[in-house]
Amino acid sequence: MKKSKSEIIESILDSAGTNSLRARVDAHCVSCVYDDLVPGTWRQQVEQCSVTSCSLFDVRVKSRSTAAKSTTFELDGVLVPLEDLTPEMQRSDYISKSKTEDRGSDS
C-alpha cells in the first residue's frame, strides 16, 4: 500500500532536514499534487504537474531524462505538446516576437 501524503512529507523533511530548500520545495509539491489513489510515485506525480503559474514549477522534481528532453512548450500560460506546434511556433524567437508585436499595437 502507498504511503499517505503526510507520511511522504514527513519522510522528505526528516531525511533532508527542515532547513533544506530542496526538501521544502518537494514537500510543498507533494502537498499540492500527490494523490495516493493515482498511479505513480510522488516524484512521478510531481514531475507531471502542469500548474505553470506556480512559482515553484521550474524547480519541481524532474528526472534527468525529462529535464533534458522536454516534449511540451508553454504558450500563453498553457503547456502544449511540441508536436502540436507548427515549425514557426517551435522557433525560440516566436513567443518574444509575438509579445513585442502585441505591445506595439497597444500604443
PDB file of N, CA and C in Angstrom:
ATOM      1  N   MET A   1       0.843  -1.182   0.000  1.00  0.00           N
ATOM      2  CA  MET A   1       0.000   0.000   0.000  1.00  0.00           C
ATOM      3  C   MET A   1       0.890   1.249   0.000  1.00  0.00           C
ATOM      4  N   LYS A   2       0.456   2.262  -0.727  1.00  0.00           N
ATOM      5  CA  LYS A   2       1.217   3.515  -0.825  1.00  0.00           C
ATOM      6  C   LYS A   2       1.156   4.293   0.478  1.00  0.00           C
ATOM      7  N   LYS A   3       2.213   5.090   0.676  1.00  0.00           N
ATOM      8  CA  LYS A   3       2.240   5.975   1.840  1.00  0.00           C
ATOM      9  C   LYS A   3       1.234   7.106   1.642  1.00  0.00           C
ATOM     10  N   SER A   4       0.778   7.643   2.738  1.00  0.00           N
ATOM     11  CA  SER A   4      -0.130   8.795   2.668  1.00  0.00           C
ATOM     12  C   SER A   4       0.680  10.048   2.372  1.00  0.00           C
ATOM     13  N   LYS A   5      -0.019  11.096   1.981  1.00  0.00           N
ATOM     14  CA  LYS A   5       0.609  12.389   1.703  1.00  0.00           C
ATOM     15  C   LYS A   5       1.412  12.877   2.911  1.00  0.00           C
ATOM     16  N   SER A   6       0.838  12.816   4.100  1.00  0.00           N
ATOM     17  CA  SER A   6       1.525  13.309   5.298  1.00  0.00           C
ATOM     18  C   SER A   6       2.749  12.462   5.635  1.00  0.00           C
ATOM     19  N   GLU A   7       2.693  11.155   5.398  1.00  0.00           N
ATOM     20  CA  GLU A   7       3.858  10.297   5.638  1.00  0.00           C
ATOM     21  C   GLU A   7       5.002  10.635   4.685  1.00  0.00           C
ATOM     22  N   ILE A   8       4.683  10.910   3.443  1.00  0.00           N
ATOM     23  CA  ILE A   8       5.710  11.263   2.457  1.00  0.00           C
ATOM     24  C   ILE A   8       6.342  12.606   2.817  1.00  0.00           C
ATOM     25  N   ILE A   9       5.523  13.585   3.155  1.00  0.00           N
ATOM     26  CA  ILE A   9       6.043  14.904   3.532  1.00  0.00           C
ATOM     27  C   ILE A   9       6.955  14.784   4.749  1.00  0.00           C
ATOM     28  N   GLU A  10       6.520  14.042   5.750  1.00  0.00           N
ATOM     29  CA  GLU A  10       7.327  13.846   6.959  1.00  0.00           C
ATOM     30  C   GLU A  10       8.652  13.166   6.609  1.00  0.00           C
ATOM     31  N   SER A  11       8.617  12.176   5.748  1.00  0.00           N
ATOM     32  CA  SER A  11       9.823  11.463   5.326  1.00  0.00           C
ATOM     33  C   SER A  11      10.796  12.388   4.580  1.00  0.00           C
ATOM     34  N   ILE A  12      10.267  13.208   3.689  1.00  0.00           N
ATOM     35  CA  ILE A  12      11.094  14.157   2.926  1.00  0.00           C
ATOM     36  C   ILE A  12      11.785  15.134   3.871  1.00  0.00           C
ATOM     37  N   LEU A  13      11.024  15.708   4.789  1.00  0.00           N
ATOM     38  CA  LEU A  13      11.575  16.711   5.705  1.00  0.00           C
ATOM     39  C   LEU A  13      12.534  16.096   6.717  1.00  0.00           C
ATOM     40  N   ASP A  14      12.267  14.858   7.156  1.00  0.00           N
ATOM     41  CA  ASP A  14      13.152  14.196   8.108  1.00  0.00           C
ATOM     42  C   ASP A  14      14.482  13.812   7.473  1.00  0.00           C
ATOM     43  N   SER A  15      14.430  13.326   6.241  1.00  0.00           N
ATOM     44  CA  SER A  15      15.662  12.834   5.608  1.00  0.00           C
ATOM     45  C   SER A  15      16.609  13.964   5.217  1.00  0.00           C
ATOM     46  N   ALA A  16      16.091  15.092   4.790  1.00  0.00           N
ATOM     47  CA  ALA A  16      16.945  16.196   4.337  1.00  0.00           C
ATOM     48  C   ALA A  16      17.054  17.310   5.374  1.00  0.00           C
ATOM     49  N   GLY A  17      16.205  17.303   6.341  1.00  0.00           N
ATOM     50  CA  GLY A  17      16.212  18.379   7.337  1.00  0.00           C
ATOM     51  C   GLY A  17      15.238  19.480   6.920  1.00  0.00           C
ATOM     52  N   THR A  18      14.582  20.075   7.881  1.00  0.00           N
ATOM     53  CA  THR A  18      13.558  21.075   7.581  1.00  0.00           C
ATOM     54  C   THR A  18      14.142  22.368   7.033  1.00  0.00           C
ATOM     55  N   ASN A  19      15.451  22.578   7.175  1.00  0.00           N
ATOM     56  CA  ASN A  19      16.070  23.789   6.639  1.00  0.00           C
ATOM     57  C   ASN A  19      16.523  23.629   5.194  1.00  0.00           C
ATOM     58  N   SER A  20      16.346  22.447   4.636  1.00  0.00           N
ATOM     59  CA  SER A  20      16.751  22.189   3.259  1.00  0.00           C
ATOM     60  C   SER A  20      15.725  22.782   2.289  1.00  0.00           C
ATOM     61  N   LEU A  21      16.191  23.643   1.403  1.00  0.00           N
ATOM     62  CA  LEU A  21      15.298  24.251   0.419  1.00  0.00           C
ATOM     63  C   LEU A  21      14.697  23.185  -0.493  1.00  0.00           C
ATOM     64  N   ARG A  22      15.516  22.224  -0.938  1.00  0.00           N
ATOM     65  CA  ARG A  22      15.032  21.143  -1.807  1.00  0.00           C
ATOM     66  C   ARG A  22      13.914  20.371  -1.111  1.00  0.00           C
ATOM     67  N   ALA A  23      14.110  20.052   0.167  1.00  0.00           N
ATOM     68  CA  ALA A  23      13.099  19.305   0.916  1.00  0.00           C
ATOM     69  C   ALA A  23      11.808  20.104   1.040  1.00  0.00           C
ATOM     70  N   ARG A  24      11.928  21.405   1.261  1.00  0.00           N
ATOM     71  CA  ARG A  24      10.730  22.244   1.389  1.00  0.00           C
ATOM     72  C   ARG A  24       9.968  22.348   0.066  1.00  0.00           C
ATOM     73  N   VAL A  25      10.707  22.463  -1.039  1.00  0.00           N
ATOM     74  CA  VAL A  25      10.054  22.511  -2.361  1.00  0.00           C
ATOM     75  C   VAL A  25       9.346  21.183  -2.622  1.00  0.00           C
ATOM     76  N   ASP A  26      10.055  20.080  -2.379  1.00  0.00           N
ATOM     77  CA  ASP A  26       9.456  18.758  -2.595  1.00  0.00           C
ATOM     78  C   ASP A  26       8.216  18.560  -1.728  1.00  0.00           C
ATOM     79  N   ALA A  27       8.306  18.953  -0.468  1.00  0.00           N
ATOM     80  CA  ALA A  27       7.172  18.802   0.448  1.00  0.00           C
ATOM     81  C   ALA A  27       5.979  19.641  -0.017  1.00  0.00           C
ATOM     82  N   HIS A  28       6.256  20.863  -0.470  1.00  0.00           N
ATOM     83  CA  HIS A  28       5.173  21.708  -0.977  1.00  0.00           C
ATOM     84  C   HIS A  28       4.485  21.047  -2.170  1.00  0.00           C
ATOM     85  N   CYS A  29       5.303  20.557  -3.116  1.00  0.00           N
ATOM     86  CA  CYS A  29       4.744  19.939  -4.319  1.00  0.00           C
ATOM     87  C   CYS A  29       3.927  18.696  -3.982  1.00  0.00           C
ATOM     88  N   VAL A  30       4.414  17.889  -3.040  1.00  0.00           N
ATOM     89  CA  VAL A  30       3.661  16.706  -2.620  1.00  0.00           C
ATOM     90  C   VAL A  30       2.333  17.136  -2.013  1.00  0.00           C
ATOM     91  N   SER A  31       2.355  18.153  -1.167  1.00  0.00           N
ATOM     92  CA  SER A  31       1.113  18.596  -0.527  1.00  0.00           C
ATOM     93  C   SER A  31       0.112  19.129  -1.549  1.00  0.00           C
ATOM     94  N   CYS A  32       0.627  19.625  -2.668  1.00  0.00           N
ATOM     95  CA  CYS A  32      -0.241  20.212  -3.692  1.00  0.00           C
ATOM     96  C   CYS A  32      -0.811  19.160  -4.644  1.00  0.00           C
ATOM     97  N   VAL A  33       0.025  18.256  -5.158  1.00  0.00           N
ATOM     98  CA  VAL A  33      -0.438  17.390  -6.253  1.00  0.00           C
ATOM     99  C   VAL A  33      -0.516  15.898  -5.949  1.00  0.00           C
ATOM    100  N   TYR A  34       0.127  15.430  -4.894  1.00  0.00           N
ATOM    101  CA  TYR A  34       0.169  13.979  -4.671  1.00  0.00           C
ATOM    102  C   TYR A  34      -1.183  13.422  -4.263  1.00  0.00           C
ATOM    103  N   ASP A  35      -1.522  12.282  -4.858  1.00  0.00           N
ATOM    104  CA  ASP A  35      -2.749  11.561  -4.524  1.00  0.00           C
ATOM    105  C   ASP A  35      -2.401  10.082  -4.461  1.00  0.00           C
ATOM    106  N   ASP A  36      -2.555   9.467  -3.288  1.00  0.00           N
ATOM    107  CA  ASP A  36      -2.172   8.062  -3.144  1.00  0.00           C
ATOM    108  C   ASP A  36      -3.094   7.104  -3.903  1.00  0.00           C
ATOM    109  N   LEU A  37      -4.180   7.602  -4.445  1.00  0.00           N
ATOM    110  CA  LEU A  37      -5.078   6.755  -5.240  1.00  0.00           C
ATOM    111  C   LEU A  37      -4.735   6.783  -6.730  1.00  0.00           C
ATOM    112  N   VAL A  38      -3.837   7.679  -7.112  1.00  0.00           N
ATOM    113  CA  VAL A  38      -3.421   7.817  -8.510  1.00  0.00           C
ATOM    114  C   VAL A  38      -2.154   6.999  -8.717  1.00  0.00           C
ATOM    115  N   PRO A  39      -2.036   6.308  -9.859  1.00  0.00           N
ATOM    116  CA  PRO A  39      -0.821   5.523 -10.115  1.00  0.00           C
ATOM    117  C   PRO A  39       0.424   6.411 -10.158  1.00  0.00           C
ATOM    118  N   GLY A  40       1.549   5.851  -9.743  1.00  0.00           N
ATOM    119  CA  GLY A  40       2.820   6.562  -9.797  1.00  0.00           C
ATOM    120  C   GLY A  40       3.302   7.008  -8.438  1.00  0.00           C
ATOM    121  N   THR A  41       4.605   7.165  -8.345  1.00  0.00           N
ATOM    122  CA  THR A  41       5.211   7.631  -7.106  1.00  0.00           C
ATOM    123  C   THR A  41       4.966   9.132  -6.956  1.00  0.00           C
ATOM    124  N   TRP A  42       5.310   9.658  -5.781  1.00  0.00           N
ATOM    125  CA  TRP A  42       5.140  11.102  -5.589  1.00  0.00           C
ATOM    126  C   TRP A  42       6.011  11.865  -6.566  1.00  0.00           C
ATOM    127  N   ARG A  43       7.215  11.364  -6.840  1.00  0.00           N
ATOM    128  CA  ARG A  43       8.105  12.044  -7.785  1.00  0.00           C
ATOM    129  C   ARG A  43       7.499  12.069  -9.188  1.00  0.00           C
ATOM    130  N   GLN A  44       6.918  10.960  -9.610  1.00  0.00           N
ATOM    131  CA  GLN A  44       6.295  10.901 -10.941  1.00  0.00           C
ATOM    132  C   GLN A  44       5.108  11.847 -11.023  1.00  0.00           C
ATOM    133  N   GLN A  45       4.313  11.905  -9.969  1.00  0.00           N
ATOM    134  CA  GLN A  45       3.149  12.785  -9.972  1.00  0.00           C
ATOM    135  C   GLN A  45       3.562  14.255  -9.978  1.00  0.00           C
ATOM    136  N   VAL A  46       4.584  14.596  -9.194  1.00  0.00           N
ATOM    137  CA  VAL A  46       5.060  15.979  -9.156  1.00  0.00           C
ATOM    138  C   VAL A  46       5.680  16.356 -10.502  1.00  0.00           C
ATOM    139  N   GLU A  47       6.416  15.440 -11.105  1.00  0.00           N
ATOM    140  CA  GLU A  47       7.036  15.707 -12.401  1.00  0.00           C
ATOM    141  C   GLU A  47       5.985  16.015 -13.467  1.00  0.00           C
ATOM    142  N   GLN A  48       4.812  15.413 -13.365  1.00  0.00           N
ATOM    143  CA  GLN A  48       3.762  15.617 -14.354  1.00  0.00           C
ATOM    144  C   GLN A  48       2.855  16.804 -14.040  1.00  0.00           C
ATOM    145  N   CYS A  49       3.174  17.541 -13.007  1.00  0.00           N
ATOM    146  CA  CYS A  49       2.386  18.729 -12.646  1.00  0.00           C
ATOM    147  C   CYS A  49       2.332  19.693 -13.829  1.00  0.00           C
ATOM    148  N   SER A  50       1.177  20.283 -14.061  1.00  0.00           N
ATOM    149  CA  SER A  50       1.019  21.205 -15.190  1.00  0.00           C
ATOM    150  C   SER A  50       0.592  22.605 -14.752  1.00  0.00           C
ATOM    151  N   VAL A  51       0.765  22.928 -13.481  1.00  0.00           N
ATOM    152  CA  VAL A  51       0.380  24.239 -12.962  1.00  0.00           C
ATOM    153  C   VAL A  51       1.526  25.217 -13.230  1.00  0.00           C
ATOM    154  N   THR A  52       1.595  25.727 -14.446  1.00  0.00           N
ATOM    155  CA  THR A  52       2.699  26.594 -14.848  1.00  0.00           C
ATOM    156  C   THR A  52       2.684  27.940 -14.115  1.00  0.00           C
ATOM    157  N   SER A  53       1.570  28.310 -13.541  1.00  0.00           N
ATOM    158  CA  SER A  53       1.502  29.575 -12.806  1.00  0.00           C
ATOM    159  C   SER A  53       2.129  29.476 -11.416  1.00  0.00           C
ATOM    160  N   CYS A  54       2.461  28.268 -10.974  1.00  0.00           N
ATOM    161  CA  CYS A  54       3.100  28.082  -9.672  1.00  0.00           C
ATOM    162  C   CYS A  54       4.528  28.621  -9.719  1.00  0.00           C
ATOM    163  N   SER A  55       4.915  29.355  -8.704  1.00  0.00           N
ATOM    164  CA  SER A  55       6.263  29.924  -8.679  1.00  0.00           C
ATOM    165  C   SER A  55       7.338  28.852  -8.518  1.00  0.00           C
ATOM    166  N   LEU A  56       6.972  27.658  -8.108  1.00  0.00           N
ATOM    167  CA  LEU A  56       7.932  26.569  -7.950  1.00  0.00           C
ATOM    168  C   LEU A  56       7.934  25.607  -9.142  1.00  0.00           C
ATOM    169  N   PHE A  57       7.155  25.896 -10.164  1.00  0.00           N
ATOM    170  CA  PHE A  57       7.016  24.982 -11.306  1.00  0.00           C
ATOM    171  C   PHE A  57       8.366  24.623 -11.923  1.00  0.00           C
ATOM    172  N   ASP A  58       9.226  25.599 -12.130  1.00  0.00           N
ATOM    173  CA  ASP A  58      10.507  25.344 -12.793  1.00  0.00           C
ATOM    174  C   ASP A  58      11.509  24.597 -11.922  1.00  0.00           C
ATOM    175  N   VAL A  59      11.296  24.563 -10.620  1.00  0.00           N
ATOM    176  CA  VAL A  59      12.243  23.892  -9.733  1.00  0.00           C
ATOM    177  C   VAL A  59      11.668  22.621  -9.106  1.00  0.00           C
ATOM    178  N   ARG A  60      10.512  22.176  -9.578  1.00  0.00           N
ATOM    179  CA  ARG A  60       9.930  20.944  -9.050  1.00  0.00           C
ATOM    180  C   ARG A  60      10.809  19.760  -9.445  1.00  0.00           C
ATOM    181  N   VAL A  61      10.592  18.622  -8.823  1.00  0.00           N
ATOM    182  CA  VAL A  61      11.358  17.416  -9.104  1.00  0.00           C
ATOM    183  C   VAL A  61      11.125  16.986 -10.551  1.00  0.00           C
ATOM    184  N   LYS A  62      12.227  16.730 -11.263  1.00  0.00           N
ATOM    185  CA  LYS A  62      12.158  16.210 -12.637  1.00  0.00           C
ATOM    186  C   LYS A  62      13.258  15.177 -12.797  1.00  0.00           C
ATOM    187  N   SER A  63      12.962  14.121 -13.525  1.00  0.00           N
ATOM    188  CA  SER A  63      14.014  13.144 -13.800  1.00  0.00           C
ATOM    189  C   SER A  63      15.007  13.770 -14.771  1.00  0.00           C
ATOM    190  N   ARG A  64      16.220  13.285 -14.776  1.00  0.00           N
ATOM    191  CA  ARG A  64      17.232  13.851 -15.663  1.00  0.00           C
ATOM    192  C   ARG A  64      16.829  13.732 -17.121  1.00  0.00           C
ATOM    193  N   SER A  65      16.225  12.611 -17.493  1.00  0.00           N
ATOM    194  CA  SER A  65      15.841  12.427 -18.901  1.00  0.00           C
ATOM    195  C   SER A  65      14.713  13.373 -19.292  1.00  0.00           C
ATOM    196  N   THR A  66      13.787  13.624 -18.391  1.00  0.00           N
ATOM    197  CA  THR A  66      12.687  14.547 -18.687  1.00  0.00           C
ATOM    198  C   THR A  66      13.190  15.973 -18.781  1.00  0.00           C
ATOM    199  N   ALA A  67      14.068  16.349 -17.881  1.00  0.00           N
ATOM    200  CA  ALA A  67      14.608  17.705 -17.902  1.00  0.00           C
ATOM    201  C   ALA A  67      15.413  17.951 -19.169  1.00  0.00           C
ATOM    202  N   ALA A  68      16.085  16.923 -19.658  1.00  0.00           N
ATOM    203  CA  ALA A  68      16.929  17.069 -20.842  1.00  0.00           C
ATOM    204  C   ALA A  68      16.118  17.164 -22.127  1.00  0.00           C
ATOM    205  N   LYS A  69      14.988  16.480 -22.178  1.00  0.00           N
ATOM    206  CA  LYS A  69      14.197  16.485 -23.409  1.00  0.00           C
ATOM    207  C   LYS A  69      12.722  16.750 -23.110  1.00  0.00           C
ATOM    208  N   SER A  70      12.400  17.993 -22.990  1.00  0.00           N
ATOM    209  CA  SER A  70      11.023  18.378 -22.732  1.00  0.00           C
ATOM    210  C   SER A  70      10.207  18.208 -24.001  1.00  0.00           C
ATOM    211  N   THR A  71       9.003  17.683 -23.860  1.00  0.00           N
ATOM    212  CA  THR A  71       8.138  17.487 -25.018  1.00  0.00           C
ATOM    213  C   THR A  71       6.978  18.468 -25.016  1.00  0.00           C
ATOM    214  N   THR A  72       7.044  19.453 -24.120  1.00  0.00           N
ATOM    215  CA  THR A  72       5.987  20.451 -24.071  1.00  0.00           C
ATOM    216  C   THR A  72       6.589  21.843 -24.166  1.00  0.00           C
ATOM    217  N   PHE A  73       5.738  22.788 -24.502  1.00  0.00           N
ATOM    218  CA  PHE A  73       6.145  24.172 -24.656  1.00  0.00           C
ATOM    219  C   PHE A  73       5.062  25.022 -24.026  1.00  0.00           C
ATOM    220  N   GLU A  74       5.436  26.064 -23.299  1.00  0.00           N
ATOM    221  CA  GLU A  74       4.442  26.929 -22.680  1.00  0.00           C
ATOM    222  C   GLU A  74       4.049  28.011 -23.670  1.00  0.00           C
ATOM    223  N   LEU A  75       2.782  28.044 -24.018  1.00  0.00           N
ATOM    224  CA  LEU A  75       2.259  29.018 -24.958  1.00  0.00           C
ATOM    225  C   LEU A  75       1.084  29.713 -24.292  1.00  0.00           C
ATOM    226  N   ASP A  76       1.234  30.991 -24.004  1.00  0.00           N
ATOM    227  CA  ASP A  76       0.204  31.769 -23.311  1.00  0.00           C
ATOM    228  C   ASP A  76      -0.224  31.118 -21.997  1.00  0.00           C
ATOM    229  N   GLY A  77       0.742  30.596 -21.236  1.00  0.00           N
ATOM    230  CA  GLY A  77       0.466  30.020 -19.930  1.00  0.00           C
ATOM    231  C   GLY A  77      -0.092  28.619 -19.960  1.00  0.00           C
ATOM    232  N   VAL A  78      -0.128  27.985 -21.133  1.00  0.00           N
ATOM    233  CA  VAL A  78      -0.663  26.635 -21.267  1.00  0.00           C
ATOM    234  C   VAL A  78       0.429  25.738 -21.828  1.00  0.00           C
ATOM    235  N   LEU A  79       0.596  24.538 -21.243  1.00  0.00           N
ATOM    236  CA  LEU A  79       1.568  23.596 -21.781  1.00  0.00           C
ATOM    237  C   LEU A  79       0.984  22.924 -23.013  1.00  0.00           C
ATOM    238  N   VAL A  80       1.720  23.008 -24.112  1.00  0.00           N
ATOM    239  CA  VAL A  80       1.271  22.458 -25.390  1.00  0.00           C
ATOM    240  C   VAL A  80       2.301  21.436 -25.856  1.00  0.00           C
ATOM    241  N   PRO A  81       1.886  20.226 -26.274  1.00  0.00           N
ATOM    242  CA  PRO A  81       2.843  19.257 -26.801  1.00  0.00           C
ATOM    243  C   PRO A  81       3.552  19.834 -28.020  1.00  0.00           C
ATOM    244  N   LEU A  82       4.879  19.620 -28.119  1.00  0.00           N
ATOM    245  CA  LEU A  82       5.652  20.172 -29.225  1.00  0.00           C
ATOM    246  C   LEU A  82       5.117  19.723 -30.577  1.00  0.00           C
ATOM    247  N   GLU A  83       4.618  18.498 -30.654  1.00  0.00           N
ATOM    248  CA  GLU A  83       4.117  18.021 -31.951  1.00  0.00           C
ATOM    249  C   GLU A  83       2.870  18.776 -32.418  1.00  0.00           C
ATOM    250  N   ASP A  84       2.200  19.494 -31.515  1.00  0.00           N
ATOM    251  CA  ASP A  84       1.027  20.283 -31.897  1.00  0.00           C
ATOM    252  C   ASP A  84       1.387  21.669 -32.419  1.00  0.00           C
ATOM    253  N   LEU A  85       2.658  22.050 -32.295  1.00  0.00           N
ATOM    254  CA  LEU A  85       3.082  23.369 -32.742  1.00  0.00           C
ATOM    255  C   LEU A  85       3.588  23.318 -34.178  1.00  0.00           C
ATOM    256  N   THR A  86       3.333  24.375 -34.914  1.00  0.00           N
ATOM    257  CA  THR A  86       3.866  24.475 -36.269  1.00  0.00           C
ATOM    258  C   THR A  86       5.366  24.737 -36.174  1.00  0.00           C
ATOM    259  N   PRO A  87       6.130  24.470 -37.243  1.00  0.00           N
ATOM    260  CA  PRO A  87       7.574  24.749 -37.204  1.00  0.00           C
ATOM    261  C   PRO A  87       7.875  26.202 -36.834  1.00  0.00           C
ATOM    262  N   GLU A  88       7.061  27.147 -37.309  1.00  0.00           N
ATOM    263  CA  GLU A  88       7.284  28.552 -36.958  1.00  0.00           C
ATOM    264  C   GLU A  88       7.138  28.768 -35.457  1.00  0.00           C
ATOM    265  N   MET A  89       6.123  28.135 -34.848  1.00  0.00           N
ATOM    266  CA  MET A  89       5.885  28.298 -33.418  1.00  0.00           C
ATOM    267  C   MET A  89       6.996  27.657 -32.586  1.00  0.00           C
ATOM    268  N   GLN A  90       7.689  26.647 -33.121  1.00  0.00           N
ATOM    269  CA  GLN A  90       8.750  25.972 -32.388  1.00  0.00           C
ATOM    270  C   GLN A  90      10.031  26.793 -32.343  1.00  0.00           C
ATOM    271  N   ARG A  91      10.151  27.798 -33.198  1.00  0.00           N
ATOM    272  CA  ARG A  91      11.344  28.648 -33.169  1.00  0.00           C
ATOM    273  C   ARG A  91      11.397  29.397 -31.847  1.00  0.00           C
ATOM    274  N   SER A  92      12.579  29.551 -31.300  1.00  0.00           N
ATOM    275  CA  SER A  92      12.732  30.156 -29.974  1.00  0.00           C
ATOM    276  C   SER A  92      12.309  31.617 -29.928  1.00  0.00           C
ATOM    277  N   ASP A  93      12.367  32.329 -31.060  1.00  0.00           N
ATOM    278  CA  ASP A  93      12.018  33.746 -31.043  1.00  0.00           C
ATOM    279  C   ASP A  93      10.540  34.005 -31.317  1.00  0.00           C
ATOM    280  N   TYR A  94       9.753  32.969 -31.560  1.00  0.00           N
ATOM    281  CA  TYR A  94       8.342  33.139 -31.925  1.00  0.00           C
ATOM    282  C   TYR A  94       7.560  33.864 -30.830  1.00  0.00           C
ATOM    283  N   ILE A  95       7.683  33.389 -29.586  1.00  0.00           N
ATOM    284  CA  ILE A  95       6.897  33.957 -28.489  1.00  0.00           C
ATOM    285  C   ILE A  95       7.310  35.393 -28.213  1.00  0.00           C
ATOM    286  N   SER A  96       8.616  35.655 -28.109  1.00  0.00           N
ATOM    287  CA  SER A  96       9.047  37.019 -27.805  1.00  0.00           C
ATOM    288  C   SER A  96       8.656  37.972 -28.931  1.00  0.00           C
ATOM    289  N   LYS A  97       8.697  37.495 -30.178  1.00  0.00           N
ATOM    290  CA  LYS A  97       8.300  38.307 -31.332  1.00  0.00           C
ATOM    291  C   LYS A  97       6.804  38.633 -31.247  1.00  0.00           C
ATOM    292  N   SER A  98       5.994  37.640 -30.910  1.00  0.00           N
ATOM    293  CA  SER A  98       4.545  37.853 -30.802  1.00  0.00           C
ATOM    294  C   SER A  98       4.217  38.849 -29.707  1.00  0.00           C
ATOM    295  N   LYS A  99       4.899  38.732 -28.562  1.00  0.00           N
ATOM    296  CA  LYS A  99       4.633  39.634 -27.445  1.00  0.00           C
ATOM    297  C   LYS A  99       5.042  41.062 -27.795  1.00  0.00           C
ATOM    298  N   THR A 100       6.143  41.220 -28.505  1.00  0.00           N
ATOM    299  CA  THR A 100       6.599  42.544 -28.911  1.00  0.00           C
ATOM    300  C   THR A 100       5.594  43.185 -29.849  1.00  0.00           C
ATOM    301  N   GLU A 101       5.074  42.391 -30.796  1.00  0.00           N
ATOM    302  CA  GLU A 101       4.086  42.919 -31.735  1.00  0.00           C
ATOM    303  C   GLU A 101       2.816  43.322 -31.005  1.00  0.00           C
ATOM    304  N   ASP A 102       2.412  42.525 -29.987  1.00  0.00           N
ATOM    305  CA  ASP A 102       1.212  42.869 -29.216  1.00  0.00           C
ATOM    306  C   ASP A 102       1.394  44.185 -28.462  1.00  0.00           C
ATOM    307  N   ARG A 103       2.580  44.373 -27.881  1.00  0.00           N
ATOM    308  CA  ARG A 103       2.834  45.615 -27.140  1.00  0.00           C
ATOM    309  C   ARG A 103       2.789  46.833 -28.061  1.00  0.00           C
ATOM    310  N   GLY A 104       3.283  46.660 -29.273  1.00  0.00           N
ATOM    311  CA  GLY A 104       3.305  47.755 -30.221  1.00  0.00           C
ATOM    312  C   GLY A 104       1.914  48.192 -30.643  1.00  0.00           C
ATOM    313  N   SER A 105       0.973  47.271 -30.675  1.00  0.00           N
ATOM    314  CA  SER A 105      -0.365  47.608 -31.107  1.00  0.00           C
ATOM    315  C   SER A 105      -1.176  48.314 -30.013  1.00  0.00           C
ATOM    316  N   ASP A 106      -0.709  48.187 -28.738  1.00  0.00           N
ATOM    317  CA  ASP A 106      -1.429  48.838 -27.633  1.00  0.00           C
ATOM    318  C   ASP A 106      -1.166  50.332 -27.573  1.00  0.00           C
ATOM    319  N   SER A 107      -0.054  50.786 -28.134  1.00  0.00           N
ATOM    320  CA  SER A 107       0.332  52.185 -28.021  1.00  0.00           C
ATOM    321  C   SER A 107      -0.447  53.058 -28.963  1.00  0.00           C
TER     322      SER A 107
END
